Amino acid sequence: MARPTEQELASAPHHFIACRSVTEPYNVFAYEQEALVLLQRLFQTHDTVVAVGGSGLYVDALRHGISVLPDPTPELRHDLQQKLRTEGVGSLRAMLKMLDPDYYAQVDLANGVRIQRALEVTLTAGRPYSQLVNQPARPRPFSTTVEVIQRDRQELRQRIDLRVDLMMQQGLEDEARRLFPLRHLNTLNTVGYKEFYALWTPAGEPFALSGRQRQEVADAIRLNTWHYAKKQLTWLKKKAQ
């Protein structure tokens, strides 16, 4: 939902847009390798390529590389996911604080998915996640700079509100309802879906939302998007210094 329009996509070549099914596993390591292959091809005909976004983890992977981290067993992942669902993110935070206090001090403590991933790696490798990811940067055959495009904060907040309104008008609720059976996937533990699922999950299945409930979900999406946007700006400003 809210992907670029056909007109926007036609205005310039785009990559990594609508390129994966929501059910297809994908991670930052796969992105790094695919992005490097794409850049090698693009630099044959272009002197400059613009990467737009996004998650700080993915930006760092593109610019500096990311360590190869072990994948957990399905049983370990299931156990941590179950713990997150039933006991909340606080239970995973306590584990992380004990096993890897260095990463605990820097991670977004509200991001259950990020904390779960750190625990998966720590418990699988037998070493703290922070030790495995803080590896020297890998050399790249290109140079990079980080540019931060900023808007007035009030205007940015208004644009987020309008974007959420548009997403709701274009059928975000119906889309979330169709994807409800797949809600356990990490790809759907994101802003725009998890707000619906938090309301529906206690009942076991989606139910018709009242006008008040629909408004509460939309307000939660607006607020969570705003928080994410602020964190992105803070992170990008540090990288641009």
Foldseek 3Di string as FASTA:
>chain_A
DLFDDPVVCVVDPDPPGPPDDLPDDDDLQNVLVVVLVVVVVVVVPDVDDDDDYDDPVNVCCNQFNWFDFDAADPVLLVVLLVCCVPVNLVVLLVVLCVQPVVVSVPDDSNDSVVSSVQVRRCVVVVHGSVVRGPDGGDDDPDHDAFDDDDDDLVVVLVVLLVSLVVCVVVPLVVVLQVCVVVCSRPSQCDQSNVLQCVVAVVVPHDDDDDPVSVVVSSVVSSVVVSVVVVVVNVVSVVRND
